[in-house]
Protein backbone atom coordinates (compact mmCIF):
# COMPACT_ATOMS: atom_id res chain seq x y z
CA MET A 1 20.01 40.80 -7.49
CA ASN A 2 16.81 38.74 -7.84
CA LYS A 3 14.40 39.75 -5.09
CA TYR A 4 13.10 36.18 -4.91
CA PRO A 5 16.08 33.84 -5.46
CA PRO A 6 15.43 30.07 -5.74
CA THR A 7 16.41 29.46 -2.12
CA VAL A 8 14.61 28.94 1.17
CA ASP A 9 15.02 32.65 1.88
CA GLY A 10 13.47 33.42 -1.51
CA LEU A 11 10.52 31.14 -0.78
CA LEU A 12 10.06 32.76 2.63
CA ALA A 13 10.03 36.19 0.97
CA ILE A 14 7.42 35.02 -1.56
CA MET A 15 5.15 33.65 1.17
CA ARG A 16 5.51 36.83 3.25
CA LYS A 17 4.52 38.84 0.17
CA LEU A 18 1.53 36.58 -0.53
CA ARG A 19 0.38 36.98 3.08
CA SER A 20 0.78 40.77 3.03
CA PRO A 21 -2.11 43.24 2.47
CA GLU A 22 -0.86 43.61 -1.13
CA GLY A 23 -0.68 39.86 -1.58
CA CYS A 24 -3.17 37.10 -2.40
CA PRO A 25 -6.63 37.02 -0.73
CA TRP A 26 -6.63 33.20 -0.64
CA ASP A 27 -3.17 32.99 0.95
CA ARG A 28 -4.06 35.66 3.53
CA LYS A 29 -7.13 33.64 4.52
CA GLN A 30 -5.23 30.44 5.39
CA SER A 31 -4.52 29.22 8.92
CA TYR A 32 -2.74 26.33 10.64
CA GLN A 33 -5.94 24.31 10.45
CA SER A 34 -6.88 25.07 6.85
CA LEU A 35 -3.45 24.00 5.56
CA CYS A 36 -3.67 20.53 7.12
CA GLN A 37 -5.70 19.06 4.25
CA THR A 38 -3.49 20.52 1.51
CA LEU A 39 -0.35 19.28 3.27
CA ALA A 40 -1.85 15.79 3.55
CA GLU A 41 -2.78 15.85 -0.15
CA GLU A 42 0.67 17.04 -1.24
CA THR A 43 2.32 14.34 0.89
CA SER A 44 0.12 11.70 -0.71
CA GLU A 45 1.06 12.99 -4.17
CA LEU A 46 4.76 12.72 -3.30
CA ILE A 47 4.26 9.13 -2.15
CA ASP A 48 2.50 8.39 -5.45
CA ALA A 49 5.45 9.89 -7.36
CA VAL A 50 7.89 7.73 -5.37
CA ASP A 51 5.78 4.63 -6.01
CA ASN A 52 5.70 5.47 -9.72
CA LYS A 53 9.47 6.20 -9.79
CA ASP A 54 8.62 9.52 -11.45
CA ILE A 55 11.64 11.69 -10.62
CA ALA A 56 10.29 14.88 -12.24
CA GLU A 57 7.04 14.50 -10.30
CA MET A 58 8.98 13.85 -7.09
CA ARG A 59 10.91 17.10 -7.56
CA GLU A 60 7.67 19.04 -8.05
CA GLU A 61 5.86 17.43 -5.10
CA ILE A 62 8.80 17.96 -2.74
CA GLY A 63 8.65 21.62 -3.73
CA ASP A 64 4.92 21.74 -3.02
CA ILE A 65 5.48 20.23 0.43
CA MET A 66 8.29 22.71 1.15
CA MET A 67 5.97 25.55 0.15
CA ASN A 68 3.37 24.30 2.62
CA LEU A 69 5.95 24.02 5.41
CA VAL A 70 7.24 27.53 4.74
CA PHE A 71 3.59 28.67 4.68
CA TYR A 72 3.18 27.29 8.22
CA ALA A 73 6.37 29.01 9.32
CA VAL A 74 5.25 32.40 7.96
CA ILE A 75 1.87 32.12 9.70
CA ALA A 76 3.68 31.24 12.94
CA GLU A 77 5.97 34.23 12.44
CA GLU A 78 2.98 36.56 12.01
CA ARG A 79 1.33 35.19 15.15
CA GLY A 80 4.53 35.45 17.16
CA ASP A 81 4.47 31.71 17.90
CA PHE A 82 7.94 30.94 16.50
CA SER A 83 10.16 31.81 13.54
CA PHE A 84 11.68 29.84 10.69
CA ALA A 85 15.04 30.27 12.42
CA ASP A 86 13.54 28.63 15.53
CA ILE A 87 12.43 25.66 13.43
CA MET A 88 15.89 25.24 11.88
CA ALA A 89 17.64 25.62 15.23
CA GLU A 90 15.46 22.93 16.78
CA ILE A 91 15.78 20.39 13.95
CA THR A 92 19.54 20.80 13.50
CA SER A 93 20.06 20.44 17.25
CA LYS A 94 17.83 17.36 17.30
CA MET A 95 19.62 15.66 14.38
CA ILE A 96 23.02 16.18 15.98
CA ARG A 97 21.75 15.05 19.40
CA ARG A 98 20.14 11.88 17.99
CA HIS A 99 23.22 10.88 15.98
CA PRO A 100 25.93 10.63 18.65
CA HIS A 101 27.50 7.81 16.59
CA VAL A 102 28.20 10.41 13.89
CA PHE A 103 28.65 13.68 15.78
CA GLY A 104 29.71 12.28 19.14
CA GLU A 105 31.54 9.37 20.74
CA ALA A 106 28.93 6.62 20.48
CA GLU A 107 29.37 3.69 18.09
CA ALA A 108 26.84 1.89 15.91
CA ALA A 109 27.85 -0.96 13.64
CA ASP A 110 24.57 -1.29 11.78
CA SER A 111 21.11 0.24 11.35
CA ASP A 112 19.64 -1.83 14.21
CA GLU A 113 22.12 -0.30 16.65
CA VAL A 114 21.38 3.15 15.21
CA LEU A 115 17.67 2.64 15.93
CA LYS A 116 18.42 1.60 19.52
CA ILE A 117 20.43 4.79 20.07
CA TRP A 118 17.78 6.93 18.36
CA ASN A 119 14.92 5.43 20.39
CA ALA A 120 16.80 5.69 23.67
CA ILE A 121 17.48 9.40 23.11
CA LYS A 122 13.94 9.98 21.87
CA LYS A 123 12.59 8.24 24.98
CA ASP A 124 14.48 10.64 27.25
CA GLU A 125 13.27 13.63 25.23
CA LYS A 126 9.62 12.74 24.95
CA HIS A 127 8.60 10.78 28.03
CA ALA A 128 8.42 13.68 30.46
CA GLY A 129 4.75 14.22 31.33
CA ARG A 130 3.47 11.05 29.66
CA GLU A 131 1.06 8.97 31.69
CA SER A 132 1.02 5.98 29.33
CA ALA A 133 3.38 4.29 26.89
CA MET A 134 0.61 4.82 24.34
CA ASP A 135 0.73 8.61 24.72
CA GLY A 136 2.24 10.59 21.87
CA ILE A 137 1.10 8.33 19.03
CA PRO A 138 -0.26 10.69 16.33
CA LYS A 139 -4.05 10.57 16.00
CA ASN A 140 -4.07 11.68 12.37
CA LEU A 141 -2.00 8.85 10.93
CA SER A 142 -3.78 6.38 8.70
CA ALA A 143 -5.22 3.55 10.79
CA LEU A 144 -2.62 1.11 9.43
CA LEU A 145 0.33 3.34 10.30
CA GLN A 146 -1.18 4.07 13.69
CA ALA A 147 -1.58 0.33 14.34
CA GLU A 148 2.09 -0.20 13.54
CA LYS A 149 3.12 2.62 15.89
CA ILE A 150 1.00 1.11 18.67
CA GLN A 151 2.47 -2.35 18.10
CA LYS A 152 6.04 -1.05 18.01
CA ARG A 153 5.51 0.91 21.20
CA ALA A 154 4.21 -2.20 23.00
CA ALA A 155 7.01 -4.35 21.54
CA HIS A 156 9.60 -1.88 22.87
CA TYR A 157 8.54 -2.95 26.37
CA GLY A 158 8.64 -6.66 25.53
CA PHE A 159 4.91 -7.06 24.85
CA ASP A 160 5.36 -8.83 21.54
CA TRP A 161 5.22 -12.13 19.72
CA GLU A 162 8.21 -14.48 19.59
CA LYS A 163 7.72 -15.73 16.03
CA PRO A 164 5.47 -14.98 13.04
CA GLU A 165 3.70 -18.32 13.28
CA GLN A 166 2.10 -17.14 16.52
CA ILE A 167 0.65 -14.12 14.73
CA ILE A 168 -0.69 -16.33 11.94
CA GLU A 169 -2.46 -18.38 14.61
CA LYS A 170 -3.87 -15.13 16.02
CA ILE A 171 -5.09 -14.13 12.53
CA GLU A 172 -6.82 -17.52 12.20
CA GLU A 173 -8.36 -17.05 15.65
CA GLU A 174 -9.68 -13.59 14.70
CA LEU A 175 -11.03 -14.95 11.41
CA ASP A 176 -12.91 -17.69 13.29
CA GLU A 177 -14.38 -15.07 15.62
CA LEU A 178 -15.43 -13.00 12.61
CA LYS A 179 -17.20 -16.02 11.13
CA GLN A 180 -19.00 -16.58 14.43
CA ALA A 181 -20.02 -12.90 14.48
CA PHE A 182 -21.48 -13.24 10.97
CA ASN A 183 -23.48 -16.22 12.16
CA THR A 184 -25.03 -14.08 14.90
CA GLY A 185 -25.85 -11.30 12.43
CA ASN A 186 -24.83 -8.68 15.01
CA ASP A 187 -23.37 -5.76 13.01
CA ASP A 188 -21.54 -4.22 15.99
CA GLU A 189 -19.88 -7.54 16.74
CA ILE A 190 -18.97 -8.05 13.07
CA ASP A 191 -17.40 -4.57 12.95
CA GLU A 192 -15.39 -5.26 16.10
CA GLU A 193 -14.07 -8.58 14.81
CA LEU A 194 -13.20 -7.06 11.42
CA GLY A 195 -11.14 -4.40 13.23
CA ASP A 196 -9.38 -7.07 15.31
CA LEU A 197 -8.57 -9.00 12.13
CA PHE A 198 -7.10 -5.90 10.46
CA PHE A 199 -4.99 -5.24 13.54
CA ALA A 200 -3.68 -8.82 13.66
CA VAL A 201 -2.78 -8.81 9.95
CA SER A 202 -0.96 -5.49 10.26
CA ASN A 203 0.93 -6.94 13.23
CA LEU A 204 2.33 -9.69 10.99
CA SER A 205 3.77 -7.20 8.48
CA ARG A 206 5.22 -5.12 11.35
CA PHE A 207 6.81 -8.17 12.97
CA ARG A 208 8.51 -9.23 9.72
CA LYS A 209 10.35 -5.87 9.63
CA GLY A 210 9.93 -5.58 5.89
CA ALA A 211 7.48 -3.37 4.06
CA THR A 212 4.91 -1.68 6.28
CA ALA A 213 1.25 -2.71 6.19
CA GLU A 214 0.60 0.67 4.55
CA ASP A 215 3.09 -0.13 1.78
CA LEU A 216 1.70 -3.62 1.26
CA LEU A 217 -1.89 -2.39 1.06
CA ARG A 218 -0.88 0.34 -1.41
CA ARG A 219 0.74 -2.36 -3.57
CA ALA A 220 -2.40 -4.46 -3.38
CA ASN A 221 -4.49 -1.41 -4.32
CA ARG A 222 -2.29 -0.71 -7.35
CA LYS A 223 -2.46 -4.36 -8.40
CA PHE A 224 -6.24 -4.35 -8.17
CA MET A 225 -6.50 -1.15 -10.23
CA THR A 226 -4.12 -2.50 -12.87
CA ARG A 227 -6.17 -5.69 -13.23
CA PHE A 228 -9.43 -3.75 -13.32
CA ARG A 229 -8.07 -1.48 -16.04
CA HIS A 230 -7.22 -4.66 -17.98
CA ILE A 231 -10.90 -5.66 -17.72
CA GLU A 232 -11.96 -2.24 -19.01
CA GLN A 233 -9.44 -2.37 -21.86
CA LYS A 234 -10.48 -5.84 -23.02
CA LEU A 235 -14.16 -4.92 -22.86
CA ALA A 236 -13.47 -1.74 -24.85
CA GLU A 237 -11.77 -3.85 -27.54
CA GLN A 238 -15.11 -5.64 -27.85
CA ASN A 239 -16.95 -2.29 -27.95
CA LYS A 240 -18.42 -3.05 -24.55
CA SER A 241 -18.51 -1.15 -21.26
CA LEU A 242 -18.50 -2.33 -17.66
CA GLU A 243 -22.27 -1.85 -17.61
CA ASP A 244 -22.61 -4.19 -20.61
CA SER A 245 -20.62 -6.95 -18.91
CA ASN A 246 -21.37 -9.38 -16.08
CA ILE A 247 -19.48 -10.88 -13.16
CA VAL A 248 -18.57 -14.08 -15.04
CA GLU A 249 -17.07 -12.21 -18.00
CA MET A 250 -15.25 -9.76 -15.74
CA GLY A 251 -13.97 -12.65 -13.60
CA ASN A 252 -12.53 -14.35 -16.70
CA LEU A 253 -10.81 -11.13 -17.76
CA TRP A 254 -9.49 -10.69 -14.22
CA ASN A 255 -7.91 -14.13 -14.39
CA ASP A 256 -6.50 -13.21 -17.79
CA ALA A 257 -4.82 -10.19 -16.19
CA LYS A 258 -3.33 -12.43 -13.49
CA ARG A 259 -1.95 -14.82 -16.12
CA ASN A 260 -0.36 -11.89 -17.95
CA GLU A 261 1.35 -10.83 -14.72
CA VAL A 262 2.80 -14.32 -14.29
CA LEU A 263 4.07 -14.35 -17.88
CA LYS A 264 5.86 -11.03 -17.32
CA LEU A 265 7.77 -12.33 -14.28
């Protein structure tokens, strides 16, 4: 029988071996804290693979994330904090508990009702010991995802807009305040108003219940990079580099890239 089968148990055995005195010096050196950055990087790479619809890359990145999670579990096991079995017991219990419409007697006709059930159960689980409705929002989320969490938490208690037009008015108000801040030349004030504007814009995407602000900004980033690569390509066809060009020429090529996008629609 293969000592390291392609299963979770096999992966656990591999990580225990790597962490052993006969294992890998780098793996033995790692801690909860040192793995945070690699886990964040692997998660970002999985998101890229999903965005690119690259199934083979998705499979690989999911494996890398699983390896990191098992790594955490093995470190916890060594420290006596908890075991992999403890992790699995907690998550399976949680999934059953939070899906009473599947494993119990509750009913949910659509995803909105499912979310109401999920949030109600989660509220009972998590609220003990909280002093504020804002407690428990992860600090290490990207600022856009954190903004959405904050807004959703406030909206849960009725502190929300009634229609998107109100948020657009708020965006215009924040933009006016940013313009006024620029007129004063006060950098601290400009920074504050820029932050308020970002928050208001993210609120609009959250309110629409479509793609998250994070998703929309990633799309905008990809679009910018695609258009910029078009500029580089067209310049290269003329045996020119970015350094050889100027803002007018690059602007014209940018507009050319936009026209090409329209033609492809």
